[in-house]
C-alpha atoms as a PDB file:
ATOM      1  CA  MET A   1      22.565 -94.807-168.654  1.00  0.00           C
ATOM      2  CA  SER A   2      19.865 -94.127-170.706  1.00  0.00           C
ATOM      3  CA  LEU A   3      19.447 -96.313-174.139  1.00  0.00           C
ATOM      4  CA  ILE A   4      18.924 -92.559-175.489  1.00  0.00           C
ATOM      5  CA  SER A   5      21.739 -90.680-173.134  1.00  0.00           C
ATOM      6  CA  HIS A   6      24.062 -93.782-174.880  1.00  0.00           C
ATOM      7  CA  LEU A   7      23.287 -93.107-178.426  1.00  0.00           C
ATOM      8  CA  TYR A   8      23.285 -88.967-178.314  1.00  0.00           C
ATOM      9  CA  PHE A   9      24.314 -87.626-181.712  1.00  0.00           C
ATOM     10  CA  GLY A  10      24.998 -84.185-180.308  1.00  0.00           C
ATOM     11  CA  GLU A  11      24.520 -79.981-180.559  1.00  0.00           C
ATOM     12  CA  LEU A  12      23.363 -80.221-184.630  1.00  0.00           C
ATOM     13  CA  GLY A  13      21.702 -83.500-184.232  1.00  0.00           C
ATOM     14  CA  GLU A  14      19.499 -81.483-180.821  1.00  0.00           C
ATOM     15  CA  TRP A  15      19.146 -77.882-183.320  1.00  0.00           C
ATOM     16  CA  CYS A  16      17.776 -79.992-186.096  1.00  0.00           C
ATOM     17  CA  SER A  17      15.941 -81.404-184.106  1.00  0.00           C
ATOM     18  CA  LYS A  18      14.247 -78.608-182.331  1.00  0.00           C
ATOM     19  CA  ARG A  19      13.502 -76.147-185.697  1.00  0.00           C
ATOM     20  CA  LEU A  20      11.695 -79.040-187.011  1.00  0.00           C
ATOM     21  CA  THR A  21       9.826 -80.192-184.539  1.00  0.00           C
ATOM     22  CA  THR A  22       7.873 -77.078-184.945  1.00  0.00           C
ATOM     23  CA  LEU A  23       6.010 -78.727-188.515  1.00  0.00           C
ATOM     24  CA  VAL A  24       4.436 -81.990-186.533  1.00  0.00           C
ATOM     25  CA  GLN A  25       3.039 -79.167-183.733  1.00  0.00           C
ATOM     26  CA  PRO A  26       3.727 -76.298-181.235  1.00  0.00           C
ATOM     27  CA  ALA A  27       4.680 -77.581-178.507  1.00  0.00           C
ATOM     28  CA  PRO A  28       7.375 -76.391-175.073  1.00  0.00           C
ATOM     29  CA  PRO A  29      10.952 -77.089-175.387  1.00  0.00           C
ATOM     30  CA  TYR A  30      10.771 -79.493-173.132  1.00  0.00           C
ATOM     31  CA  SER A  31      14.319 -79.863-172.606  1.00  0.00           C
ATOM     32  CA  ALA A  32      15.278 -77.163-172.441  1.00  0.00           C
ATOM     33  CA  LEU A  33      12.435 -77.049-169.890  1.00  0.00           C
ATOM     34  CA  TYR A  34      14.539 -79.383-167.665  1.00  0.00           C
ATOM     35  CA  GLY A  35      17.473 -78.558-167.794  1.00  0.00           C
ATOM     36  CA  LEU A  36      17.240 -75.118-166.825  1.00  0.00           C
ATOM     37  CA  ALA A  37      14.845 -75.933-163.341  1.00  0.00           C
ATOM     38  CA  ARG A  38      17.442 -79.336-163.202  1.00  0.00           C
ATOM     39  CA  THR A  39      20.234 -76.888-162.566  1.00  0.00           C
ATOM     40  CA  GLY A  40      18.359 -74.419-160.643  1.00  0.00           C
ATOM     41  CA  LEU A  41      18.162 -71.867-161.981  1.00  0.00           C
ATOM     42  CA  VAL A  42      14.223 -71.593-162.023  1.00  0.00           C
ATOM     43  CA  GLY A  43      11.475 -74.066-160.131  1.00  0.00           C
ATOM     44  CA  ARG A  44       9.021 -76.562-161.193  1.00  0.00           C
ATOM     45  CA  ASP A  45       6.838 -74.910-161.241  1.00  0.00           C
ATOM     46  CA  TRP A  46       8.111 -72.497-163.208  1.00  0.00           C
ATOM     47  CA  ALA A  47       9.036 -74.739-165.780  1.00  0.00           C
ATOM     48  CA  HIS A  48       5.367 -76.163-165.670  1.00  0.00           C
ATOM     49  CA  ARG A  49       4.199 -72.936-166.198  1.00  0.00           C
ATOM     50  CA  GLN A  50       5.649 -72.256-169.308  1.00  0.00           C
ATOM     51  CA  ALA A  51       5.679 -75.259-171.182  1.00  0.00           C
ATOM     52  CA  GLY A  52       1.535 -74.502-169.978  1.00  0.00           C
ATOM     53  CA  LEU A  53       1.668 -72.113-173.042  1.00  0.00           C
ATOM     54  CA  TYR A  54       2.475 -73.297-175.819  1.00  0.00           C
ATOM     55  CA  PRO A  55      -0.111 -73.555-177.722  1.00  0.00           C
ATOM     56  CA  THR A  56       0.105 -77.936-177.439  1.00  0.00           C
ATOM     57  CA  HIS A  57      -0.751 -77.730-173.711  1.00  0.00           C
ATOM     58  CA  ILE A  58      -2.104 -74.022-173.380  1.00  0.00           C
ATOM     59  CA  ARG A  59      -5.792 -75.644-173.103  1.00  0.00           C
ATOM     60  CA  LEU A  60      -5.625 -78.181-170.174  1.00  0.00           C
ATOM     61  CA  ALA A  61      -6.927 -78.185-167.090  1.00  0.00           C
ATOM     62  CA  GLU A  62      -6.152 -75.087-164.912  1.00  0.00           C
ATOM     63  CA  ALA A  63      -4.992 -78.776-162.581  1.00  0.00           C
ATOM     64  CA  GLU A  64      -2.932 -79.972-165.643  1.00  0.00           C
ATOM     65  CA  ARG A  65      -1.459 -77.045-167.097  1.00  0.00           C
ATOM     66  CA  ARG A  66       0.971 -77.079-163.110  1.00  0.00           C
ATOM     67  CA  ARG A  67       2.358 -79.814-164.043  1.00  0.00           C
ATOM     68  CA  ALA A  68       2.401 -79.447-168.062  1.00  0.00           C
ATOM     69  CA  LEU A  69       5.832 -80.559-168.462  1.00  0.00           C
ATOM     70  CA  ASP A  70       4.654 -84.064-167.637  1.00  0.00           C
ATOM     71  CA  LEU A  71       1.533 -84.216-169.777  1.00  0.00           C
ATOM     72  CA  ARG A  72       3.093 -84.677-173.529  1.00  0.00           C
ATOM     73  CA  PRO A  73       0.084 -84.716-176.735  1.00  0.00           C
ATOM     74  CA  THR A  74      -0.868 -87.987-178.121  1.00  0.00           C
ATOM     75  CA  GLN A  75      -2.571 -89.728-180.873  1.00  0.00           C
ATOM     76  CA  ALA A  76      -5.750 -91.112-178.156  1.00  0.00           C
ATOM     77  CA  GLY A  77      -4.885 -88.273-175.890  1.00  0.00           C
ATOM     78  CA  TRP A  78      -2.186 -87.301-173.353  1.00  0.00           C
ATOM     79  CA  LEU A  79       1.067 -89.123-171.561  1.00  0.00           C
ATOM     80  CA  ASP A  80       1.783 -88.435-167.931  1.00  0.00           C
ATOM     81  CA  LEU A  81       4.802 -89.059-167.899  1.00  0.00           C
ATOM     82  CA  ALA A  82       4.874 -89.379-163.877  1.00  0.00           C
ATOM     83  CA  ALA A  83       3.809 -92.594-164.402  1.00  0.00           C
ATOM     84  CA  VAL A  84       6.232 -93.853-166.575  1.00  0.00           C
ATOM     85  CA  GLN A  85      10.182 -91.756-165.676  1.00  0.00           C
ATOM     86  CA  SER A  86      11.753 -91.828-162.974  1.00  0.00           C
ATOM     87  CA  VAL A  87      11.962 -88.778-160.630  1.00  0.00           C
ATOM     88  CA  GLY A  88      16.005 -89.930-159.678  1.00  0.00           C
ATOM     89  CA  GLU A  89      16.368 -88.204-163.460  1.00  0.00           C
ATOM     90  CA  TYR A  90      16.329 -84.607-163.061  1.00  0.00           C
ATOM     91  CA  PHE A  91      16.252 -84.553-158.886  1.00  0.00           C
ATOM     92  CA  ASP A  92      18.121 -86.727-156.231  1.00  0.00           C
ATOM     93  CA  GLU A  93      15.944 -88.645-154.394  1.00  0.00           C
ATOM     94  CA  ASP A  94      15.679 -85.989-151.792  1.00  0.00           C
ATOM     95  CA  GLY A  95      13.982 -83.857-154.288  1.00  0.00           C
ATOM     96  CA  SER A  96      16.977 -81.540-154.066  1.00  0.00           C
ATOM     97  CA  LEU A  97      18.582 -80.747-157.893  1.00  0.00           C
ATOM     98  CA  ILE A  98      21.732 -82.937-159.273  1.00  0.00           C
ATOM     99  CA  TYR A  99      23.049 -79.963-160.499  1.00  0.00           C
ATOM    100  CA  ASP A 100      22.631 -77.603-157.990  1.00  0.00           C
ATOM    101  CA  ARG A 101      25.230 -75.161-159.165  1.00  0.00           C
ATOM    102  CA  PHE A 102      23.327 -71.966-159.137  1.00  0.00           C
ATOM    103  CA  PRO A 103      21.295 -69.433-156.630  1.00  0.00           C
ATOM    104  CA  PHE A 104      17.673 -70.862-156.599  1.00  0.00           C
ATOM    105  CA  THR A 105      15.286 -68.862-159.358  1.00  0.00           C
ATOM    106  CA  LEU A 106      17.740 -67.029-159.881  1.00  0.00           C
ATOM    107  CA  ALA A 107      16.859 -66.338-162.875  1.00  0.00           C
ATOM    108  CA  GLU A 108      13.399 -66.642-163.595  1.00  0.00           C
ATOM    109  CA  PRO A 109      11.850 -63.323-164.066  1.00  0.00           C
ATOM    110  CA  MET A 110      15.027 -62.550-167.400  1.00  0.00           C
ATOM    111  CA  LEU A 111      14.020 -66.277-168.978  1.00  0.00           C
ATOM    112  CA  SER A 112       9.830 -65.505-168.434  1.00  0.00           C
ATOM    113  CA  ASP A 113      10.715 -61.816-170.336  1.00  0.00           C
ATOM    114  CA  LEU A 114      13.188 -64.346-173.054  1.00  0.00           C
ATOM    115  CA  PHE A 115      10.335 -68.010-173.429  1.00  0.00           C
ATOM    116  CA  ASP A 116       7.937 -65.044-173.875  1.00  0.00           C
ATOM    117  CA  ARG A 117      10.071 -63.771-176.708  1.00  0.00           C
ATOM    118  CA  ILE A 118      10.314 -66.670-178.338  1.00  0.00           C
ATOM    119  CA  ARG A 119       6.891 -67.475-177.869  1.00  0.00           C
ATOM    120  CA  ALA A 120       5.960 -64.331-179.524  1.00  0.00           C
ATOM    121  CA  TYR A 121       8.450 -64.200-182.345  1.00  0.00           C
ATOM    122  CA  PHE A 122       8.159 -68.151-183.852  1.00  0.00           C
ATOM    123  CA  ALA A 123       4.866 -67.019-183.700  1.00  0.00           C
ATOM    124  CA  SER A 124       5.383 -64.290-185.997  1.00  0.00           C
ATOM    125  CA  HIS A 125       8.383 -65.384-188.379  1.00  0.00           C
ATOM    126  CA  ALA A 126       7.128 -69.027-188.420  1.00  0.00           C
ATOM    127  CA  PRO A 127       4.066 -69.882-188.224  1.00  0.00           C
ATOM    128  CA  PHE A 128       2.544 -73.800-187.645  1.00  0.00           C
ATOM    129  CA  GLY A 129       3.079 -75.730-190.007  1.00  0.00           C
ATOM    130  CA  GLN A 130       6.445 -73.222-192.485  1.00  0.00           C
ATOM    131  CA  LEU A 131       9.733 -73.669-191.477  1.00  0.00           C
ATOM    132  CA  GLY A 132      11.880 -70.550-191.569  1.00  0.00           C
ATOM    133  CA  ALA A 133      15.554 -70.620-192.747  1.00  0.00           C
ATOM    134  CA  GLU A 134      16.256 -66.977-191.384  1.00  0.00           C
ATOM    135  CA  LYS A 135      18.849 -66.156-188.680  1.00  0.00           C
ATOM    136  CA  GLY A 136      16.907 -65.136-186.125  1.00  0.00           C
ATOM    137  CA  LEU A 137      14.829 -68.190-185.851  1.00  0.00           C
ATOM    138  CA  ALA A 138      18.691 -70.110-186.223  1.00  0.00           C
ATOM    139  CA  ARG A 139      19.969 -67.922-183.580  1.00  0.00           C
ATOM    140  CA  LEU A 140      16.234 -68.839-180.947  1.00  0.00           C
ATOM    141  CA  CYS A 141      17.235 -72.603-182.056  1.00  0.00           C
ATOM    142  CA  TRP A 142      20.627 -72.346-180.927  1.00  0.00           C
ATOM    143  CA  LEU A 143      20.072 -71.277-177.145  1.00  0.00           C
ATOM    144  CA  LEU A 144      17.346 -73.808-176.939  1.00  0.00           C
ATOM    145  CA  ALA A 145      19.510 -76.719-177.871  1.00  0.00           C
ATOM    146  CA  ALA A 146      21.572 -74.876-175.340  1.00  0.00           C
ATOM    147  CA  LEU A 147      19.895 -74.747-172.480  1.00  0.00           C
ATOM    148  CA  GLU A 148      18.498 -78.638-173.551  1.00  0.00           C
ATOM    149  CA  TYR A 149      22.711 -79.464-172.695  1.00  0.00           C
ATOM    150  CA  THR A 150      21.885 -80.203-169.356  1.00  0.00           C
ATOM    151  CA  TYR A 151      18.845 -82.370-169.916  1.00  0.00           C
ATOM    152  CA  ARG A 152      21.782 -84.879-169.496  1.00  0.00           C
ATOM    153  CA  ASN A 153      25.020 -83.050-169.105  1.00  0.00           C
ATOM    154  CA  ASP A 154      26.648 -81.695-166.323  1.00  0.00           C
ATOM    155  CA  PRO A 155      26.192 -77.532-166.666  1.00  0.00           C
ATOM    156  CA  MET A 156      29.330 -77.621-166.018  1.00  0.00           C
ATOM    157  CA  ASP A 157      30.698 -78.273-169.729  1.00  0.00           C
ATOM    158  CA  GLU A 158      28.655 -75.489-171.900  1.00  0.00           C
ATOM    159  CA  PRO A 159      30.846 -72.393-172.279  1.00  0.00           C
ATOM    160  CA  PHE A 160      27.403 -71.041-172.910  1.00  0.00           C
ATOM    161  CA  TYR A 161      26.408 -71.975-168.483  1.00  0.00           C
ATOM    162  CA  HIS A 162      29.009 -69.629-167.251  1.00  0.00           C
ATOM    163  CA  LEU A 163      27.202 -66.316-168.385  1.00  0.00           C
ATOM    164  CA  PHE A 164      24.952 -67.597-165.577  1.00  0.00           C
ATOM    165  CA  LEU A 165      27.468 -67.463-163.288  1.00  0.00           C
ATOM    166  CA  ASP A 166      28.190 -64.771-160.668  1.00  0.00           C
ATOM    167  CA  ARG A 167      25.811 -62.732-162.712  1.00  0.00           C
ATOM    168  CA  ARG A 168      22.860 -62.094-163.576  1.00  0.00           C
ATOM    169  CA  PRO A 169      22.348 -62.002-167.444  1.00  0.00           C
ATOM    170  CA  THR A 170      20.483 -60.040-169.419  1.00  0.00           C
ATOM    171  CA  VAL A 171      17.839 -60.826-172.712  1.00  0.00           C
ATOM    172  CA  GLU A 172      20.055 -59.225-174.955  1.00  0.00           C
ATOM    173  CA  GLN A 173      22.838 -61.478-173.932  1.00  0.00           C
ATOM    174  CA  MET A 174      21.106 -64.659-173.701  1.00  0.00           C
ATOM    175  CA  HIS A 175      20.214 -63.903-177.875  1.00  0.00           C
ATOM    176  CA  GLY A 176      23.797 -62.750-178.651  1.00  0.00           C
ATOM    177  CA  ALA A 177      25.644 -66.170-176.657  1.00  0.00           C
ATOM    178  CA  ALA A 178      25.473 -68.030-180.559  1.00  0.00           C
ATOM    179  CA  PRO A 179      28.704 -67.802-182.398  1.00  0.00           C
ATOM    180  CA  ASP A 180      27.734 -65.917-185.706  1.00  0.00           C
ATOM    181  CA  ILE A 181      29.931 -69.430-188.003  1.00  0.00           C
ATOM    182  CA  VAL A 182      27.368 -71.735-186.085  1.00  0.00           C
ATOM    183  CA  VAL A 183      24.416 -69.395-186.872  1.00  0.00           C
ATOM    184  CA  ASP A 184      25.407 -69.379-190.665  1.00  0.00           C
ATOM    185  CA  GLU A 185      25.883 -73.406-190.434  1.00  0.00           C
ATOM    186  CA  LEU A 186      22.089 -74.336-188.915  1.00  0.00           C
ATOM    187  CA  VAL A 187      20.371 -71.687-191.117  1.00  0.00           C
ATOM    188  CA  GLU A 188      21.818 -73.366-194.395  1.00  0.00           C
ATOM    189  CA  LEU A 189      21.065 -76.616-192.493  1.00  0.00           C
ATOM    190  CA  MET A 190      17.385 -75.630-192.793  1.00  0.00           C
ATOM    191  CA  ARG A 191      17.992 -74.477-196.860  1.00  0.00           C
ATOM    192  CA  ARG A 192      19.389 -77.752-197.632  1.00  0.00           C
ATOM    193  CA  LEU A 193      16.163 -79.293-196.542  1.00  0.00           C
ATOM    194  CA  HIS A 194      14.004 -77.340-198.585  1.00  0.00           C
ATOM    195  CA  THR A 195      16.405 -78.143-201.403  1.00  0.00           C
ATOM    196  CA  ALA A 196      17.440 -81.108-201.421  1.00  0.00           C
ATOM    197  CA  GLY A 197      14.254 -82.861-201.204  1.00  0.00           C
ATOM    198  CA  GLY A 198      13.771 -83.921-197.447  1.00  0.00           C
ATOM    199  CA  LEU A 199      11.048 -81.946-196.550  1.00  0.00           C
ATOM    200  CA  ASP A 200       8.945 -83.539-199.404  1.00  0.00           C
ATOM    201  CA  GLU A 201       9.411 -87.220-198.031  1.00  0.00           C
ATOM    202  CA  MET A 202       7.912 -85.836-194.585  1.00  0.00           C
ATOM    203  CA  ARG A 203       4.445 -84.193-196.138  1.00  0.00           C
ATOM    204  CA  ARG A 204       4.432 -87.338-198.508  1.00  0.00           C
ATOM    205  CA  LEU A 205       4.322 -89.295-195.404  1.00  0.00           C
ATOM    206  CA  ALA A 206       2.376 -87.275-192.899  1.00  0.00           C
ATOM    207  CA  GLY A 207      -0.621 -87.894-195.254  1.00  0.00           C
ATOM    208  CA  HIS A 208       0.820 -84.594-197.237  1.00  0.00           C
ATOM    209  CA  PRO A 209      -2.121 -82.314-194.532  1.00  0.00           C
ATOM    210  CA  PRO A 210      -3.171 -78.658-195.543  1.00  0.00           C
ATOM    211  CA  LYS A 211      -1.704 -75.946-193.911  1.00  0.00           C
ATOM    212  CA  GLY A 212      -2.314 -75.303-190.353  1.00  0.00           C
ATOM    213  CA  ARG A 213      -2.451 -79.084-189.362  1.00  0.00           C
ATOM    214  CA  PRO A 214       0.226 -81.013-187.135  1.00  0.00           C
ATOM    215  CA  TRP A 215       1.866 -83.378-188.215  1.00  0.00           C
ATOM    216  CA  GLY A 216       2.359 -85.424-186.165  1.00  0.00           C
ATOM    217  CA  ILE A 217       3.776 -85.489-182.505  1.00  0.00           C
ATOM    218  CA  ALA A 218       6.771 -83.939-181.573  1.00  0.00           C
ATOM    219  CA  ARG A 219       9.354 -85.508-178.524  1.00  0.00           C
ATOM    220  CA  PRO A 220       7.551 -88.512-178.348  1.00  0.00           C
ATOM    221  CA  VAL A 221       8.647 -90.684-175.363  1.00  0.00           C
ATOM    222  CA  PHE A 222       9.092 -94.754-174.697  1.00  0.00           C
ATOM    223  CA  GLY A 223       9.133 -96.440-172.188  1.00  0.00           C
ATOM    224  CA  ALA A 224      10.460 -95.497-169.041  1.00  0.00           C
ATOM    225  CA  TYR A 225      12.967 -93.332-171.199  1.00  0.00           C
ATOM    226  CA  TRP A 226      12.718 -90.117-173.328  1.00  0.00           C
ATOM    227  CA  SER A 227      13.506 -89.688-176.655  1.00  0.00           C
ATOM    228  CA  ASP A 228      16.162 -86.861-177.563  1.00  0.00           C
ATOM    229  CA  ASN A 229      16.187 -86.278-181.027  1.00  0.00           C
ATOM    230  CA  ASP A 230      12.772 -87.602-182.733  1.00  0.00           C
ATOM    231  CA  ILE A 231       9.721 -86.340-183.915  1.00  0.00           C
ATOM    232  CA  LEU A 232       6.339 -88.883-185.415  1.00  0.00           C
ATOM    233  CA  ILE A 233       5.313 -87.648-188.365  1.00  0.00           C
ATOM    234  CA  GLY A 234       1.526 -89.117-189.672  1.00  0.00           C
ATOM    235  CA  GLY A 235      -2.242 -89.270-188.237  1.00  0.00           C
ATOM    236  CA  PRO A 236      -3.663 -92.269-186.792  1.00  0.00           C
ATOM    237  CA  ASP A 237      -3.600 -94.712-189.368  1.00  0.00           C
ATOM    238  CA  GLY A 238       0.380 -94.778-188.415  1.00  0.00           C
ATOM    239  CA  THR A 239       3.751 -92.863-188.074  1.00  0.00           C
ATOM    240  CA  THR A 240       6.184 -92.922-188.794  1.00  0.00           C
ATOM    241  CA  LEU A 241       9.729 -92.063-186.196  1.00  0.00           C
ATOM    242  CA  ILE A 242      11.734 -89.993-187.650  1.00  0.00           C
ATOM    243  CA  ASP A 243      15.461 -89.600-185.498  1.00  0.00           C
ATOM    244  CA  VAL A 244      17.796 -86.240-186.911  1.00  0.00           C
ATOM    245  CA  SER A 245      21.451 -86.859-187.611  1.00  0.00           C
ATOM    246  CA  SER A 246      23.906 -84.317-188.660  1.00  0.00           C
ATOM    247  CA  ALA A 247      27.175 -86.461-189.272  1.00  0.00           C
ATOM    248  CA  ILE A 248      29.086 -85.554-192.053  1.00  0.00           C
ATOM    249  CA  ALA A 249      29.455 -89.074-192.936  1.00  0.00           C
ATOM    250  CA  THR A 250      27.451 -92.195-193.030  1.00  0.00           C
ATOM    251  CA  ASN A 251      29.318 -94.359-194.296  1.00  0.00           C
ATOM    252  CA  LYS A 252      30.679 -95.769-191.040  1.00  0.00           C
ATOM    253  CA  LEU A 253      28.438 -99.548-190.268  1.00  0.00           C
ATOM    254  CA  GLN A 254      28.652 -99.797-186.600  1.00  0.00           C
ATOM    255  CA  ARG A 255      26.985 -96.442-185.884  1.00  0.00           C
ATOM    256  CA  SER A 256      25.085 -97.582-189.003  1.00  0.00           C
ATOM    257  CA  ARG A 257      24.003-100.086-186.875  1.00  0.00           C
ATOM    258  CA  ARG A 258      23.409 -98.220-184.084  1.00  0.00           C
ATOM    259  CA  TRP A 259      21.297 -95.576-185.810  1.00  0.00           C
ATOM    260  CA  ILE A 260      18.751 -98.800-187.500  1.00  0.00           C
ATOM    261  CA  TRP A 261      18.515-100.548-184.222  1.00  0.00           C
ATOM    262  CA  ARG A 262      17.916 -97.243-181.791  1.00  0.00           C
ATOM    263  CA  LEU A 263      14.758 -96.339-184.230  1.00  0.00           C
ATOM    264  CA  LEU A 264      13.858-101.160-183.895  1.00  0.00           C
ATOM    265  CA  SER A 265      14.005-100.477-179.657  1.00  0.00           C
ATOM    266  CA  LEU A 266      11.846 -97.986-179.462  1.00  0.00           C
ATOM    267  CA  SER A 267       9.084 -98.875-181.089  1.00  0.00           C
ATOM    268  CA  TRP A 268       9.279-101.700-179.535  1.00  0.00           C
ATOM    269  CA  LEU A 269       9.425-100.162-176.681  1.00  0.00           C
ATOM    270  CA  ASP A 270       6.125 -98.712-177.335  1.00  0.00           C
ATOM    271  CA  THR A 271       4.920-101.950-176.491  1.00  0.00           C
ATOM    272  CA  ALA A 272       0.654-100.005-176.208  1.00  0.00           C
ATOM    273  CA  ASP A 273       0.859 -98.698-179.945  1.00  0.00           C
ATOM    274  CA  THR A 274       0.432 -95.187-178.463  1.00  0.00           C
ATOM    275  CA  TYR A 275       2.323 -94.100-181.653  1.00  0.00           C
ATOM    276  CA  ARG A 276       0.795 -96.373-183.854  1.00  0.00           C
ATOM    277  CA  ILE A 277       4.227 -96.761-185.432  1.00  0.00           C
ATOM    278  CA  ARG A 278       4.549 -97.798-188.928  1.00  0.00           C
ATOM    279  CA  ASN A 279       7.526 -96.779-190.984  1.00  0.00           C
ATOM    280  CA  VAL A 280      11.017 -95.518-189.012  1.00  0.00           C
ATOM    281  CA  GLY A 281      13.451 -93.339-190.784  1.00  0.00           C
ATOM    282  CA  LEU A 282      16.231 -91.366-190.620  1.00  0.00           C
ATOM    283  CA  TYR A 283      16.968 -87.630-191.367  1.00  0.00           C
ATOM    284  CA  PHE A 284      20.903 -86.866-192.795  1.00  0.00           C
ATOM    285  CA  ALA A 285      20.747 -82.879-191.754  1.00  0.00           C
ATOM    286  CA  ARG A 286      23.960 -82.059-193.726  1.00  0.00           C
ATOM    287  CA  HIS A 287      22.528 -83.800-196.641  1.00  0.00           C
ATOM    288  CA  GLY A 288      19.044 -83.079-196.635  1.00  0.00           C
ATOM    289  CA  VAL A 289      17.953 -86.309-197.647  1.00  0.00           C
ATOM    290  CA  LEU A 290      16.118 -88.756-195.271  1.00  0.00           C
ATOM    291  CA  VAL A 291      15.588 -92.684-195.682  1.00  0.00           C
ATOM    292  CA  ALA A 292      12.483 -94.437-194.350  1.00  0.00           C
ATOM    293  CA  TRP A 293      11.439 -98.307-193.688  1.00  0.00           C
ATOM    294  CA  PRO A 294       8.472-100.398-193.079  1.00  0.00           C
ATOM    295  CA  LEU A 295       8.360-100.789-189.406  1.00  0.00           C
ATOM    296  CA  ASP A 296       7.367-104.587-189.273  1.00  0.00           C
ATOM    297  CA  GLU A 297      10.094-105.406-192.974  1.00  0.00           C
ATOM    298  CA  LEU A 298      12.408-103.480-190.842  1.00  0.00           C
ATOM    299  CA  ALA A 299      12.791-106.439-187.834  1.00  0.00           C
ATOM    300  CA  GLU A 300      12.179-108.973-190.747  1.00  0.00           C
ATOM    301  CA  THR A 301      15.798-107.734-191.771  1.00  0.00           C
ATOM    302  CA  LEU A 302      17.143-107.382-189.022  1.00  0.00           C
ATOM    303  CA  VAL A 303      16.897-110.796-187.064  1.00  0.00           C
ATOM    304  CA  ALA A 304      17.402-112.668-190.149  1.00  0.00           C
ATOM    305  CA  GLY A 305      14.873-115.510-190.860  1.00  0.00           C
ATOM    306  CA  GLU A 306      13.910-115.980-186.494  1.00  0.00           C
ATOM    307  CA  ASP A 307      10.287-114.779-185.403  1.00  0.00           C
ATOM    308  CA  PRO A 308      10.389-110.973-185.015  1.00  0.00           C
ATOM    309  CA  VAL A 309       6.898-111.235-182.579  1.00  0.00           C
ATOM    310  CA  ALA A 310       9.956-114.040-180.063  1.00  0.00           C
ATOM    311  CA  ALA A 311      12.670-111.046-181.320  1.00  0.00           C
ATOM    312  CA  ARG A 312      10.551-108.140-179.158  1.00  0.00           C
ATOM    313  CA  ARG A 313       9.109-110.212-176.701  1.00  0.00           C
ATOM    314  CA  GLU A 314      12.754-111.025-175.515  1.00  0.00           C
ATOM    315  CA  PHE A 315      14.315-107.646-175.827  1.00  0.00           C
ATOM    316  CA  LEU A 316      11.453-106.238-173.593  1.00  0.00           C
ATOM    317  CA  GLU A 317      12.573-108.823-171.198  1.00  0.00           C
ATOM    318  CA  LEU A 318      15.866-107.654-171.203  1.00  0.00           C
ATOM    319  CA  GLU A 319      15.043-104.397-171.750  1.00  0.00           C
ATOM    320  CA  SER A 320      13.278-104.665-168.165  1.00  0.00           C
ATOM    321  CA  ARG A 321      15.664-106.127-166.269  1.00  0.00           C
ATOM    322  CA  LEU A 322      18.583-103.754-167.399  1.00  0.00           C
ATOM    323  CA  ARG A 323      15.934-100.826-165.818  1.00  0.00           C
ATOM    324  CA  LYS A 324      15.374-102.550-162.343  1.00  0.00           C
ATOM    325  CA  GLU A 325      19.393-103.074-162.528  1.00  0.00           C
ATOM    326  CA  ALA A 326      19.671 -98.813-163.066  1.00  0.00           C
ATOM    327  CA  SER A 327      16.906 -98.645-160.499  1.00  0.00           C
ATOM    328  CA  GLY A 328      18.446-100.899-157.954  1.00  0.00           C
ATOM    329  CA  GLU A 329      15.076-102.985-157.735  1.00  0.00           C
ATOM    330  CA  GLY A 330      16.948-106.019-159.392  1.00  0.00           C
END
């Protein structure tokens, strides 16, 4: 189990992260596409084709679009996940699906139609760089978050996937799966982002980019792990790594420590400085508040007088050993 899995925050955190990524990049819903492939509802080729249709990936060469889901944009170019991510993360060693509970490619035609409609709806109702707070967008983002669930979970734990047992749901049934009470709550969370100051603070950290320009990068990847709920705000001179939390209470010491440890750990895992992280922050979606710290100052504070460079080196050595042990190499 990865660091990210241990620190998983749940459906609302996923949804908020998904919604916020429209500010930083019009990127594919990476985890939703991998989740669909992992269950056997679609093939990997289908998932790659869908990723290649999003604005961040559509201009890739044809050969690269055929594996678009494994390619992630960075400030300096593209990161190829095939070089850092184990196949066993989503599939068994023989290439078979871990949670093959559904007939293979059963839902591809319907899901192709669904994703075409999702892309068109976002282009019309949430142009890049703008946030909407209407129910149509909230319903679609909830749907993508539900598809993401199998990123690291058994689909049978998610009632939404029961739609696929012994039948072929329609696009309309998929669209209507979100409970109205949840949709209303998600709309309120987005309104709070607008009104409580969190969005203005993100814009400041991004350097006040003009309309239509990306604020940063969606779903950065660190080391051998994937980051579930993160976005990067900023440009080539430095970025802020932001984790999204839907927690109601923010004064529980043990949990707060883990939030901060997670941000520092992910930043330290960027050993090549691929993302140029200079600040880290927590966005509390239920409160509309963003709290950020300079990365170097936070590291110095957390190591309490020790050498941050030495502490990072020790952390990376331990992380490498644990990863090797988990993969059977140690």
